[in-house]
Structure formats: structure tokens, C-alpha cells
Amino acid sequence: MSMIQAEHLTFFYPGSPDPVFEDAAFQIDTRWRLGLIGRNGRGKTTLLRLLMGEYPHEGTLAASESFGYFPSPVPKPERLTAEGLEDLGVPLLFPAQSNQLFPVLPDSVVEALEGER
């Protein structure tokens, strides 16, 4: 079993007073199928670049796997992430017993996403 582990991970972009990550700690089993989604500027790509060793950081960030970054253009950046995933045919809602890539989103999360429109 391979793990991605972070302990006391702290990272600031040079000149920024606000950290992207501050004293973060997590473990991710590499057998899991995960997707990181979130608004722009929240640290998704930064985490990948940290895992690739591109940025210096404080704390520990260890992984026995290698990582690559393959950016793709976003045709309509003004739309919600969930809408873009729907356009790509990615199922966001399905029975809990299903073995799909994404978990079931609770109604409260769906309502919050719809409220952002």
C-alpha cells in the first residue's frame, strides 16, 4: 500500500502574507480514486506542484509515487465546476453502493452548488 502523507505542511507563495497551506496534515491511500475540486486559487494545483517537488515548503510531504501535470483548457471558466463535469459526462450523483469515481453528494451540497449560480 502506497501513501501520500503530509505533516505540518506549510506553504506561502513568495510575497504573499497568506499561506496556501498552514500546518496541514493528511494521509491519502494511493489506491483511492480522488478528485480535488474547488474554486480557483484554493491550492489544488499548488498541492500537485508540491508533490512534484517544484516548490520549497515547510513540514513533511512524502509520497512513494511520482506525479505528472497535464493541464487542460476550461472552455467556459465562468461556469461551476459541477456543470463542467456534467458537460464531460462525469456522473456526480449515483447510488452509494456504486463503484464510481465520485462519491454521492448529499442534498445539502447539491443545494449549495446550485445556490452559487
PDB file of N, CA and C in Angstrom:
ATOM      1  N   MET A   1       0.854  -1.182   0.000  1.00  0.00           N
ATOM      2  CA  MET A   1       0.000   0.000   0.000  1.00  0.00           C
ATOM      3  C   MET A   1       0.891   1.233   0.000  1.00  0.00           C
ATOM      4  N   SER A   2       0.679   2.130  -0.948  1.00  0.00           N
ATOM      5  CA  SER A   2       1.404   3.393  -1.010  1.00  0.00           C
ATOM      6  C   SER A   2       0.547   4.498  -0.418  1.00  0.00           C
ATOM      7  N   MET A   3       1.214   5.433   0.231  1.00  0.00           N
ATOM      8  CA  MET A   3       0.512   6.547   0.861  1.00  0.00           C
ATOM      9  C   MET A   3       1.146   7.868   0.442  1.00  0.00           C
ATOM     10  N   ILE A   4       0.325   8.881   0.382  1.00  0.00           N
ATOM     11  CA  ILE A   4       0.793  10.260   0.282  1.00  0.00           C
ATOM     12  C   ILE A   4       0.547  10.831   1.665  1.00  0.00           C
ATOM     13  N   GLN A   5       1.604  11.328   2.286  1.00  0.00           N
ATOM     14  CA  GLN A   5       1.486  11.798   3.664  1.00  0.00           C
ATOM     15  C   GLN A   5       2.018  13.211   3.794  1.00  0.00           C
ATOM     16  N   ALA A   6       1.289  14.019   4.532  1.00  0.00           N
ATOM     17  CA  ALA A   6       1.725  15.381   4.851  1.00  0.00           C
ATOM     18  C   ALA A   6       1.618  15.567   6.354  1.00  0.00           C
ATOM     19  N   GLU A   7       2.636  16.189   6.915  1.00  0.00           N
ATOM     20  CA  GLU A   7       2.622  16.542   8.333  1.00  0.00           C
ATOM     21  C   GLU A   7       3.183  17.943   8.469  1.00  0.00           C
ATOM     22  N   HIS A   8       2.428  18.804   9.121  1.00  0.00           N
ATOM     23  CA  HIS A   8       2.843  20.194   9.349  1.00  0.00           C
ATOM     24  C   HIS A   8       3.212  20.897   8.038  1.00  0.00           C
ATOM     25  N   LEU A   9       2.516  20.568   6.968  1.00  0.00           N
ATOM     26  CA  LEU A   9       2.785  21.157   5.662  1.00  0.00           C
ATOM     27  C   LEU A   9       2.364  22.623   5.663  1.00  0.00           C
ATOM     28  N   THR A  10       3.322  23.481   5.378  1.00  0.00           N
ATOM     29  CA  THR A  10       3.065  24.921   5.293  1.00  0.00           C
ATOM     30  C   THR A  10       3.717  25.440   4.027  1.00  0.00           C
ATOM     31  N   PHE A  11       2.956  26.234   3.274  1.00  0.00           N
ATOM     32  CA  PHE A  11       3.485  26.804   2.042  1.00  0.00           C
ATOM     33  C   PHE A  11       2.892  28.186   1.817  1.00  0.00           C
ATOM     34  N   PHE A  12       3.760  29.148   1.534  1.00  0.00           N
ATOM     35  CA  PHE A  12       3.391  30.510   1.144  1.00  0.00           C
ATOM     36  C   PHE A  12       3.996  30.778  -0.217  1.00  0.00           C
ATOM     37  N   TYR A  13       3.267  31.471  -1.087  1.00  0.00           N
ATOM     38  CA  TYR A  13       3.904  31.976  -2.293  1.00  0.00           C
ATOM     39  C   TYR A  13       4.746  33.177  -1.891  1.00  0.00           C
ATOM     40  N   PRO A  14       5.920  33.349  -2.504  1.00  0.00           N
ATOM     41  CA  PRO A  14       6.779  34.486  -2.162  1.00  0.00           C
ATOM     42  C   PRO A  14       6.015  35.811  -2.266  1.00  0.00           C
ATOM     43  N   GLY A  15       6.132  36.613  -1.238  1.00  0.00           N
ATOM     44  CA  GLY A  15       5.485  37.920  -1.208  1.00  0.00           C
ATOM     45  C   GLY A  15       4.051  37.905  -0.716  1.00  0.00           C
ATOM     46  N   SER A  16       3.474  36.736  -0.528  1.00  0.00           N
ATOM     47  CA  SER A  16       2.087  36.657  -0.060  1.00  0.00           C
ATOM     48  C   SER A  16       2.059  36.542   1.466  1.00  0.00           C
ATOM     49  N   PRO A  17       1.211  37.331   2.113  1.00  0.00           N
ATOM     50  CA  PRO A  17       1.116  37.219   3.578  1.00  0.00           C
ATOM     51  C   PRO A  17       0.266  36.028   4.026  1.00  0.00           C
ATOM     52  N   ASP A  18      -0.532  35.489   3.115  1.00  0.00           N
ATOM     53  CA  ASP A  18      -1.443  34.402   3.468  1.00  0.00           C
ATOM     54  C   ASP A  18      -0.903  33.058   2.995  1.00  0.00           C
ATOM     55  N   PRO A  19      -0.936  32.048   3.865  1.00  0.00           N
ATOM     56  CA  PRO A  19      -0.469  30.721   3.440  1.00  0.00           C
ATOM     57  C   PRO A  19      -1.483  30.036   2.536  1.00  0.00           C
ATOM     58  N   VAL A  20      -0.975  29.227   1.625  1.00  0.00           N
ATOM     59  CA  VAL A  20      -1.843  28.344   0.844  1.00  0.00           C
ATOM     60  C   VAL A  20      -2.191  27.144   1.716  1.00  0.00           C
ATOM     61  N   PHE A  21      -1.181  26.610   2.404  1.00  0.00           N
ATOM     62  CA  PHE A  21      -1.356  25.539   3.387  1.00  0.00           C
ATOM     63  C   PHE A  21      -0.660  25.968   4.662  1.00  0.00           C
ATOM     64  N   GLU A  22      -1.314  25.738   5.786  1.00  0.00           N
ATOM     65  CA  GLU A  22      -0.717  26.087   7.071  1.00  0.00           C
ATOM     66  C   GLU A  22      -0.903  24.937   8.047  1.00  0.00           C
ATOM     67  N   ASP A  23       0.219  24.293   8.379  1.00  0.00           N
ATOM     68  CA  ASP A  23       0.240  23.186   9.335  1.00  0.00           C
ATOM     69  C   ASP A  23      -0.742  22.073   8.941  1.00  0.00           C
ATOM     70  N   ALA A  24      -0.838  21.814   7.640  1.00  0.00           N
ATOM     71  CA  ALA A  24      -1.765  20.790   7.134  1.00  0.00           C
ATOM     72  C   ALA A  24      -1.213  19.391   7.396  1.00  0.00           C
ATOM     73  N   ALA A  25      -2.115  18.473   7.659  1.00  0.00           N
ATOM     74  CA  ALA A  25      -1.740  17.074   7.867  1.00  0.00           C
ATOM     75  C   ALA A  25      -2.811  16.194   7.233  1.00  0.00           C
ATOM     76  N   PHE A  26      -2.369  15.205   6.457  1.00  0.00           N
ATOM     77  CA  PHE A  26      -3.312  14.262   5.857  1.00  0.00           C
ATOM     78  C   PHE A  26      -2.559  13.032   5.391  1.00  0.00           C
ATOM     79  N   GLN A  27      -3.318  11.963   5.155  1.00  0.00           N
ATOM     80  CA  GLN A  27      -2.811  10.735   4.553  1.00  0.00           C
ATOM     81  C   GLN A  27      -3.797  10.335   3.470  1.00  0.00           C
ATOM     82  N   ILE A  28      -3.272  10.007   2.302  1.00  0.00           N
ATOM     83  CA  ILE A  28      -4.106   9.566   1.196  1.00  0.00           C
ATOM     84  C   ILE A  28      -3.553   8.241   0.703  1.00  0.00           C
ATOM     85  N   ASP A  29      -4.388   7.241   0.702  1.00  0.00           N
ATOM     86  CA  ASP A  29      -4.016   5.934   0.168  1.00  0.00           C
ATOM     87  C   ASP A  29      -4.056   6.044  -1.353  1.00  0.00           C
ATOM     88  N   THR A  30      -2.990   5.679  -2.033  1.00  0.00           N
ATOM     89  CA  THR A  30      -2.930   5.840  -3.482  1.00  0.00           C
ATOM     90  C   THR A  30      -3.872   4.895  -4.224  1.00  0.00           C
ATOM     91  N   ARG A  31      -4.472   3.951  -3.529  1.00  0.00           N
ATOM     92  CA  ARG A  31      -5.462   3.085  -4.179  1.00  0.00           C
ATOM     93  C   ARG A  31      -6.813   3.785  -4.308  1.00  0.00           C
ATOM     94  N   TRP A  32      -7.009   4.876  -3.549  1.00  0.00           N
ATOM     95  CA  TRP A  32      -8.265   5.615  -3.610  1.00  0.00           C
ATOM     96  C   TRP A  32      -8.366   6.330  -4.940  1.00  0.00           C
ATOM     97  N   ARG A  33      -9.572   6.517  -5.388  1.00  0.00           N
ATOM     98  CA  ARG A  33      -9.841   7.331  -6.569  1.00  0.00           C
ATOM     99  C   ARG A  33     -10.391   8.660  -6.060  1.00  0.00           C
ATOM    100  N   LEU A  34      -9.607   9.705  -6.213  1.00  0.00           N
ATOM    101  CA  LEU A  34      -9.986  11.009  -5.673  1.00  0.00           C
ATOM    102  C   LEU A  34     -10.031  12.060  -6.753  1.00  0.00           C
ATOM    103  N   GLY A  35     -10.814  13.054  -6.526  1.00  0.00           N
ATOM    104  CA  GLY A  35     -10.822  14.239  -7.363  1.00  0.00           C
ATOM    105  C   GLY A  35     -10.812  15.442  -6.449  1.00  0.00           C
ATOM    106  N   LEU A  36      -9.915  16.362  -6.681  1.00  0.00           N
ATOM    107  CA  LEU A  36      -9.888  17.604  -5.916  1.00  0.00           C
ATOM    108  C   LEU A  36     -10.618  18.657  -6.729  1.00  0.00           C
ATOM    109  N   ILE A  37     -11.684  19.175  -6.164  1.00  0.00           N
ATOM    110  CA  ILE A  37     -12.415  20.237  -6.839  1.00  0.00           C
ATOM    111  C   ILE A  37     -12.536  21.415  -5.887  1.00  0.00           C
ATOM    112  N   GLY A  38     -12.605  22.568  -6.436  1.00  0.00           N
ATOM    113  CA  GLY A  38     -12.746  23.773  -5.627  1.00  0.00           C
ATOM    114  C   GLY A  38     -12.598  25.006  -6.492  1.00  0.00           C
ATOM    115  N   ARG A  39     -12.843  26.127  -5.901  1.00  0.00           N
ATOM    116  CA  ARG A  39     -12.739  27.389  -6.614  1.00  0.00           C
ATOM    117  C   ARG A  39     -11.297  27.679  -6.989  1.00  0.00           C
ATOM    118  N   ASN A  40     -11.147  28.584  -7.911  1.00  0.00           N
ATOM    119  CA  ASN A  40      -9.804  29.000  -8.326  1.00  0.00           C
ATOM    120  C   ASN A  40      -9.026  29.553  -7.144  1.00  0.00           C
ATOM    121  N   GLY A  41      -7.736  29.264  -7.120  1.00  0.00           N
ATOM    122  CA  GLY A  41      -6.863  29.839  -6.106  1.00  0.00           C
ATOM    123  C   GLY A  41      -6.949  29.216  -4.739  1.00  0.00           C
ATOM    124  N   ARG A  42      -7.439  28.005  -4.646  1.00  0.00           N
ATOM    125  CA  ARG A  42      -7.584  27.364  -3.337  1.00  0.00           C
ATOM    126  C   ARG A  42      -6.497  26.340  -3.034  1.00  0.00           C
ATOM    127  N   GLY A  43      -5.582  26.081  -3.992  1.00  0.00           N
ATOM    128  CA  GLY A  43      -4.447  25.228  -3.691  1.00  0.00           C
ATOM    129  C   GLY A  43      -4.401  23.875  -4.358  1.00  0.00           C
ATOM    130  N   LYS A  44      -5.322  23.583  -5.264  1.00  0.00           N
ATOM    131  CA  LYS A  44      -5.341  22.266  -5.906  1.00  0.00           C
ATOM    132  C   LYS A  44      -4.073  22.031  -6.735  1.00  0.00           C
ATOM    133  N   THR A  45      -3.767  22.943  -7.624  1.00  0.00           N
ATOM    134  CA  THR A  45      -2.575  22.803  -8.457  1.00  0.00           C
ATOM    135  C   THR A  45      -1.318  22.976  -7.622  1.00  0.00           C
ATOM    136  N   THR A  46      -1.362  23.855  -6.643  1.00  0.00           N
ATOM    137  CA  THR A  46      -0.205  24.042  -5.761  1.00  0.00           C
ATOM    138  C   THR A  46       0.143  22.745  -5.054  1.00  0.00           C
ATOM    139  N   LEU A  47      -0.864  22.009  -4.575  1.00  0.00           N
ATOM    140  CA  LEU A  47      -0.600  20.724  -3.924  1.00  0.00           C
ATOM    141  C   LEU A  47       0.086  19.773  -4.892  1.00  0.00           C
ATOM    142  N   LEU A  48      -0.394  19.701  -6.118  1.00  0.00           N
ATOM    143  CA  LEU A  48       0.234  18.828  -7.106  1.00  0.00           C
ATOM    144  C   LEU A  48       1.677  19.256  -7.364  1.00  0.00           C
ATOM    145  N   ARG A  49       1.897  20.549  -7.490  1.00  0.00           N
ATOM    146  CA  ARG A  49       3.261  21.033  -7.738  1.00  0.00           C
ATOM    147  C   ARG A  49       4.170  20.778  -6.533  1.00  0.00           C
ATOM    148  N   LEU A  50       3.623  20.833  -5.333  1.00  0.00           N
ATOM    149  CA  LEU A  50       4.400  20.478  -4.143  1.00  0.00           C
ATOM    150  C   LEU A  50       4.758  18.992  -4.185  1.00  0.00           C
ATOM    151  N   LEU A  51       3.804  18.160  -4.558  1.00  0.00           N
ATOM    152  CA  LEU A  51       4.069  16.721  -4.662  1.00  0.00           C
ATOM    153  C   LEU A  51       5.106  16.409  -5.737  1.00  0.00           C
ATOM    154  N   MET A  52       5.165  17.239  -6.765  1.00  0.00           N
ATOM    155  CA  MET A  52       6.137  17.052  -7.839  1.00  0.00           C
ATOM    156  C   MET A  52       7.507  17.633  -7.460  1.00  0.00           C
ATOM    157  N   GLY A  53       7.599  18.277  -6.276  1.00  0.00           N
ATOM    158  CA  GLY A  53       8.865  18.827  -5.817  1.00  0.00           C
ATOM    159  C   GLY A  53       9.244  20.156  -6.453  1.00  0.00           C
ATOM    160  N   GLU A  54       8.281  20.857  -7.014  1.00  0.00           N
ATOM    161  CA  GLU A  54       8.569  22.109  -7.698  1.00  0.00           C
ATOM    162  C   GLU A  54       8.705  23.306  -6.767  1.00  0.00           C
ATOM    163  N   TYR A  55       8.137  23.228  -5.562  1.00  0.00           N
ATOM    164  CA  TYR A  55       8.167  24.362  -4.632  1.00  0.00           C
ATOM    165  C   TYR A  55       8.783  23.926  -3.301  1.00  0.00           C
ATOM    166  N   PRO A  56       9.582  24.804  -2.694  1.00  0.00           N
ATOM    167  CA  PRO A  56      10.053  24.518  -1.337  1.00  0.00           C
ATOM    168  C   PRO A  56       8.901  24.726  -0.343  1.00  0.00           C
ATOM    169  N   HIS A  57       8.911  23.964   0.726  1.00  0.00           N
ATOM    170  CA  HIS A  57       7.846  24.060   1.715  1.00  0.00           C
ATOM    171  C   HIS A  57       8.391  23.706   3.085  1.00  0.00           C
ATOM    172  N   GLU A  58       7.611  24.019   4.099  1.00  0.00           N
ATOM    173  CA  GLU A  58       7.930  23.613   5.462  1.00  0.00           C
ATOM    174  C   GLU A  58       7.121  22.367   5.782  1.00  0.00           C
ATOM    175  N   GLY A  59       7.615  21.571   6.702  1.00  0.00           N
ATOM    176  CA  GLY A  59       6.919  20.354   7.084  1.00  0.00           C
ATOM    177  C   GLY A  59       7.333  19.195   6.190  1.00  0.00           C
ATOM    178  N   THR A  60       6.586  18.110   6.311  1.00  0.00           N
ATOM    179  CA  THR A  60       6.894  16.892   5.575  1.00  0.00           C
ATOM    180  C   THR A  60       5.806  16.616   4.549  1.00  0.00           C
ATOM    181  N   LEU A  61       6.231  16.289   3.345  1.00  0.00           N
ATOM    182  CA  LEU A  61       5.331  15.848   2.291  1.00  0.00           C
ATOM    183  C   LEU A  61       6.019  14.689   1.603  1.00  0.00           C
ATOM    184  N   ALA A  62       5.470  13.497   1.774  1.00  0.00           N
ATOM    185  CA  ALA A  62       6.130  12.292   1.264  1.00  0.00           C
ATOM    186  C   ALA A  62       5.164  11.455   0.448  1.00  0.00           C
ATOM    187  N   ALA A  63       5.677  10.907  -0.645  1.00  0.00           N
ATOM    188  CA  ALA A  63       4.894  10.011  -1.488  1.00  0.00           C
ATOM    189  C   ALA A  63       5.844   9.059  -2.183  1.00  0.00           C
ATOM    190  N   SER A  64       5.430   7.806  -2.300  1.00  0.00           N
ATOM    191  CA  SER A  64       6.261   6.828  -2.993  1.00  0.00           C
ATOM    192  C   SER A  64       5.903   6.752  -4.476  1.00  0.00           C
ATOM    193  N   GLU A  65       4.939   7.556  -4.897  1.00  0.00           N
ATOM    194  CA  GLU A  65       4.508   7.599  -6.292  1.00  0.00           C
ATOM    195  C   GLU A  65       5.071   8.847  -6.958  1.00  0.00           C
ATOM    196  N   SER A  66       5.173   8.833  -8.273  1.00  0.00           N
ATOM    197  CA  SER A  66       5.555  10.042  -8.999  1.00  0.00           C
ATOM    198  C   SER A  66       4.284  10.696  -9.539  1.00  0.00           C
ATOM    199  N   PHE A  67       4.366  11.975  -9.857  1.00  0.00           N
ATOM    200  CA  PHE A  67       3.201  12.730 -10.279  1.00  0.00           C
ATOM    201  C   PHE A  67       3.503  13.479 -11.556  1.00  0.00           C
ATOM    202  N   GLY A  68       2.470  13.700 -12.351  1.00  0.00           N
ATOM    203  CA  GLY A  68       2.579  14.483 -13.570  1.00  0.00           C
ATOM    204  C   GLY A  68       1.419  15.449 -13.636  1.00  0.00           C
ATOM    205  N   TYR A  69       1.600  16.514 -14.375  1.00  0.00           N
ATOM    206  CA  TYR A  69       0.575  17.542 -14.504  1.00  0.00           C
ATOM    207  C   TYR A  69       0.236  17.709 -15.976  1.00  0.00           C
ATOM    208  N   PHE A  70      -1.023  17.495 -16.314  1.00  0.00           N
ATOM    209  CA  PHE A  70      -1.495  17.615 -17.681  1.00  0.00           C
ATOM    210  C   PHE A  70      -2.664  18.591 -17.700  1.00  0.00           C
ATOM    211  N   PRO A  71      -2.373  19.890 -17.750  1.00  0.00           N
ATOM    212  CA  PRO A  71      -3.479  20.861 -17.708  1.00  0.00           C
ATOM    213  C   PRO A  71      -4.332  20.752 -18.968  1.00  0.00           C
ATOM    214  N   SER A  72      -5.587  21.031 -18.806  1.00  0.00           N
ATOM    215  CA  SER A  72      -6.477  21.044 -19.961  1.00  0.00           C
ATOM    216  C   SER A  72      -7.242  22.361 -19.955  1.00  0.00           C
ATOM    217  N   PRO A  73      -7.562  22.864 -21.125  1.00  0.00           N
ATOM    218  CA  PRO A  73      -8.284  24.133 -21.183  1.00  0.00           C
ATOM    219  C   PRO A  73      -9.695  23.984 -20.626  1.00  0.00           C
ATOM    220  N   VAL A  74     -10.173  25.047 -20.012  1.00  0.00           N
ATOM    221  CA  VAL A  74     -11.537  25.083 -19.495  1.00  0.00           C
ATOM    222  C   VAL A  74     -12.343  25.929 -20.469  1.00  0.00           C
ATOM    223  N   PRO A  75     -13.272  25.295 -21.207  1.00  0.00           N
ATOM    224  CA  PRO A  75     -13.963  26.029 -22.259  1.00  0.00           C
ATOM    225  C   PRO A  75     -14.843  27.175 -21.757  1.00  0.00           C
ATOM    226  N   LYS A  76     -15.443  27.031 -20.577  1.00  0.00           N
ATOM    227  CA  LYS A  76     -16.330  28.070 -20.039  1.00  0.00           C
ATOM    228  C   LYS A  76     -15.991  28.290 -18.566  1.00  0.00           C
ATOM    229  N   PRO A  77     -14.919  29.040 -18.262  1.00  0.00           N
ATOM    230  CA  PRO A  77     -14.471  29.184 -16.874  1.00  0.00           C
ATOM    231  C   PRO A  77     -15.466  29.875 -15.949  1.00  0.00           C
ATOM    232  N   GLU A  78     -16.439  30.556 -16.516  1.00  0.00           N
ATOM    233  CA  GLU A  78     -17.427  31.237 -15.672  1.00  0.00           C
ATOM    234  C   GLU A  78     -18.440  30.271 -15.067  1.00  0.00           C
ATOM    235  N   ARG A  79     -18.482  29.038 -15.552  1.00  0.00           N
ATOM    236  CA  ARG A  79     -19.443  28.052 -15.063  1.00  0.00           C
ATOM    237  C   ARG A  79     -18.925  27.344 -13.829  1.00  0.00           C
ATOM    238  N   LEU A  80     -19.822  26.757 -13.063  1.00  0.00           N
ATOM    239  CA  LEU A  80     -19.457  25.972 -11.889  1.00  0.00           C
ATOM    240  C   LEU A  80     -18.698  24.716 -12.297  1.00  0.00           C
ATOM    241  N   THR A  81     -17.828  24.247 -11.432  1.00  0.00           N
ATOM    242  CA  THR A  81     -17.081  23.018 -11.692  1.00  0.00           C
ATOM    243  C   THR A  81     -18.039  21.860 -11.965  1.00  0.00           C
ATOM    244  N   ALA A  82     -19.086  21.755 -11.158  1.00  0.00           N
ATOM    245  CA  ALA A  82     -20.042  20.659 -11.326  1.00  0.00           C
ATOM    246  C   ALA A  82     -20.681  20.696 -12.715  1.00  0.00           C
ATOM    247  N   GLU A  83     -20.953  21.884 -13.230  1.00  0.00           N
ATOM    248  CA  GLU A  83     -21.538  21.995 -14.564  1.00  0.00           C
ATOM    249  C   GLU A  83     -20.545  21.530 -15.626  1.00  0.00           C
ATOM    250  N   GLY A  84     -19.292  21.895 -15.460  1.00  0.00           N
ATOM    251  CA  GLY A  84     -18.266  21.452 -16.400  1.00  0.00           C
ATOM    252  C   GLY A  84     -18.105  19.948 -16.395  1.00  0.00           C
ATOM    253  N   LEU A  85     -18.178  19.344 -15.212  1.00  0.00           N
ATOM    254  CA  LEU A  85     -18.089  17.891 -15.125  1.00  0.00           C
ATOM    255  C   LEU A  85     -19.281  17.230 -15.789  1.00  0.00           C
ATOM    256  N   GLU A  86     -20.458  17.822 -15.618  1.00  0.00           N
ATOM    257  CA  GLU A  86     -21.645  17.290 -16.295  1.00  0.00           C
ATOM    258  C   GLU A  86     -21.454  17.335 -17.805  1.00  0.00           C
ATOM    259  N   ASP A  87     -20.888  18.435 -18.314  1.00  0.00           N
ATOM    260  CA  ASP A  87     -20.644  18.570 -19.751  1.00  0.00           C
ATOM    261  C   ASP A  87     -19.743  17.446 -20.264  1.00  0.00           C
ATOM    262  N   LEU A  88     -18.813  17.004 -19.410  1.00  0.00           N
ATOM    263  CA  LEU A  88     -17.894  15.936 -19.793  1.00  0.00           C
ATOM    264  C   LEU A  88     -18.503  14.551 -19.601  1.00  0.00           C
ATOM    265  N   GLY A  89     -19.719  14.518 -19.066  1.00  0.00           N
ATOM    266  CA  GLY A  89     -20.393  13.244 -18.854  1.00  0.00           C
ATOM    267  C   GLY A  89     -19.971  12.537 -17.585  1.00  0.00           C
ATOM    268  N   VAL A  90     -19.386  13.268 -16.634  1.00  0.00           N
ATOM    269  CA  VAL A  90     -18.954  12.674 -15.364  1.00  0.00           C
ATOM    270  C   VAL A  90     -20.163  12.586 -14.440  1.00  0.00           C
ATOM    271  N   PRO A  91     -20.507  11.385 -13.969  1.00  0.00           N
ATOM    272  CA  PRO A  91     -21.664  11.256 -13.077  1.00  0.00           C
ATOM    273  C   PRO A  91     -21.341  11.804 -11.694  1.00  0.00           C
ATOM    274  N   LEU A  92     -22.180  12.696 -11.201  1.00  0.00           N
ATOM    275  CA  LEU A  92     -21.963  13.252  -9.871  1.00  0.00           C
ATOM    276  C   LEU A  92     -22.882  12.645  -8.825  1.00  0.00           C
ATOM    277  N   LEU A  93     -24.025  12.143  -9.252  1.00  0.00           N
ATOM    278  CA  LEU A  93     -24.976  11.533  -8.319  1.00  0.00           C
ATOM    279  C   LEU A  93     -25.280  10.122  -8.774  1.00  0.00           C
ATOM    280  N   PHE A  94     -25.187   9.187  -7.857  1.00  0.00           N
ATOM    281  CA  PHE A  94     -25.470   7.796  -8.167  1.00  0.00           C
ATOM    282  C   PHE A  94     -25.629   7.040  -6.861  1.00  0.00           C
ATOM    283  N   PRO A  95     -26.134   5.822  -6.875  1.00  0.00           N
ATOM    284  CA  PRO A  95     -26.333   5.060  -5.643  1.00  0.00           C
ATOM    285  C   PRO A  95     -25.025   4.855  -4.876  1.00  0.00           C
ATOM    286  N   ALA A  96     -25.111   4.875  -3.558  1.00  0.00           N
ATOM    287  CA  ALA A  96     -23.921   4.743  -2.701  1.00  0.00           C
ATOM    288  C   ALA A  96     -23.191   3.427  -2.935  1.00  0.00           C
ATOM    289  N   GLN A  97     -23.890   2.369  -3.300  1.00  0.00           N
ATOM    290  CA  GLN A  97     -23.235   1.082  -3.500  1.00  0.00           C
ATOM    291  C   GLN A  97     -22.475   1.016  -4.821  1.00  0.00           C
ATOM    292  N   SER A  98     -22.641   2.014  -5.667  1.00  0.00           N
ATOM    293  CA  SER A  98     -21.963   2.023  -6.955  1.00  0.00           C
ATOM    294  C   SER A  98     -20.463   2.210  -6.761  1.00  0.00           C
ATOM    295  N   ASN A  99     -19.673   1.649  -7.656  1.00  0.00           N
ATOM    296  CA  ASN A  99     -18.214   1.747  -7.581  1.00  0.00           C
ATOM    297  C   ASN A  99     -17.730   2.768  -8.606  1.00  0.00           C
ATOM    298  N   GLN A 100     -18.233   3.988  -8.519  1.00  0.00           N
ATOM    299  CA  GLN A 100     -17.894   5.044  -9.459  1.00  0.00           C
ATOM    300  C   GLN A 100     -16.753   5.893  -8.909  1.00  0.00           C
ATOM    301  N   LEU A 101     -16.277   6.798  -9.741  1.00  0.00           N
ATOM    302  CA  LEU A 101     -15.152   7.654  -9.382  1.00  0.00           C
ATOM    303  C   LEU A 101     -15.506   8.688  -8.333  1.00  0.00           C
ATOM    304  N   PHE A 102     -16.718   9.229  -8.370  1.00  0.00           N
ATOM    305  CA  PHE A 102     -17.100  10.293  -7.456  1.00  0.00           C
ATOM    306  C   PHE A 102     -18.075   9.774  -6.412  1.00  0.00           C
ATOM    307  N   PRO A 103     -18.010  10.294  -5.200  1.00  0.00           N
ATOM    308  CA  PRO A 103     -18.945   9.870  -4.155  1.00  0.00           C
ATOM    309  C   PRO A 103     -20.311  10.518  -4.356  1.00  0.00           C
ATOM    310  N   VAL A 104     -21.276  10.016  -3.629  1.00  0.00           N
ATOM    311  CA  VAL A 104     -22.602  10.625  -3.632  1.00  0.00           C
ATOM    312  C   VAL A 104     -22.498  11.976  -2.947  1.00  0.00           C
ATOM    313  N   LEU A 105     -23.092  12.978  -3.565  1.00  0.00           N
ATOM    314  CA  LEU A 105     -23.126  14.299  -2.952  1.00  0.00           C
ATOM    315  C   LEU A 105     -24.408  14.425  -2.141  1.00  0.00           C
ATOM    316  N   PRO A 106     -24.309  14.798  -0.869  1.00  0.00           N
ATOM    317  CA  PRO A 106     -25.523  14.993  -0.071  1.00  0.00           C
ATOM    318  C   PRO A 106     -26.368  16.119  -0.663  1.00  0.00           C
ATOM    319  N   ASP A 107     -27.672  16.066  -0.417  1.00  0.00           N
ATOM    320  CA  ASP A 107     -28.577  17.097  -0.934  1.00  0.00           C
ATOM    321  C   ASP A 107     -28.126  18.494  -0.532  1.00  0.00           C
ATOM    322  N   SER A 108     -27.609  18.653   0.690  1.00  0.00           N
ATOM    323  CA  SER A 108     -27.188  19.978   1.154  1.00  0.00           C
ATOM    324  C   SER A 108     -26.046  20.529   0.297  1.00  0.00           C
ATOM    325  N   VAL A 109     -25.143  19.656  -0.163  1.00  0.00           N
ATOM    326  CA  VAL A 109     -24.040  20.092  -1.016  1.00  0.00           C
ATOM    327  C   VAL A 109     -24.572  20.473  -2.391  1.00  0.00           C
ATOM    328  N   VAL A 110     -25.467  19.665  -2.927  1.00  0.00           N
ATOM    329  CA  VAL A 110     -26.055  19.956  -4.231  1.00  0.00           C
ATOM    330  C   VAL A 110     -26.779  21.296  -4.176  1.00  0.00           C
ATOM    331  N   GLU A 111     -27.550  21.520  -3.120  1.00  0.00           N
ATOM    332  CA  GLU A 111     -28.278  22.782  -2.976  1.00  0.00           C
ATOM    333  C   GLU A 111     -27.317  23.959  -2.873  1.00  0.00           C
ATOM    334  N   ALA A 112     -26.206  23.775  -2.166  1.00  0.00           N
ATOM    335  CA  ALA A 112     -25.220  24.854  -2.046  1.00  0.00           C
ATOM    336  C   ALA A 112     -24.594  25.159  -3.397  1.00  0.00           C
ATOM    337  N   LEU A 113     -24.293  24.118  -4.170  1.00  0.00           N
ATOM    338  CA  LEU A 113     -23.730  24.329  -5.513  1.00  0.00           C
ATOM    339  C   LEU A 113     -24.715  25.055  -6.404  1.00  0.00           C
ATOM    340  N   GLU A 114     -25.976  24.666  -6.326  1.00  0.00           N
ATOM    341  CA  GLU A 114     -26.980  25.321  -7.150  1.00  0.00           C
ATOM    342  C   GLU A 114     -27.175  26.771  -6.716  1.00  0.00           C
ATOM    343  N   GLY A 115     -26.980  27.047  -5.438  1.00  0.00           N
ATOM    344  CA  GLY A 115     -27.136  28.417  -4.928  1.00  0.00           C
ATOM    345  C   GLY A 115     -26.030  29.351  -5.382  1.00  0.00           C
ATOM    346  N   GLU A 116     -24.904  28.833  -5.872  1.00  0.00           N
ATOM    347  CA  GLU A 116     -23.781  29.657  -6.334  1.00  0.00           C
ATOM    348  C   GLU A 116     -24.018  30.231  -7.716  1.00  0.00           C
ATOM    349  N   ARG A 117     -25.017  29.762  -8.415  1.00  0.00           N
ATOM    350  CA  ARG A 117     -25.252  30.211  -9.798  1.00  0.00           C
ATOM    351  C   ARG A 117     -25.580  31.666  -9.879  1.00  0.00           C
TER     352      ARG A 117
END
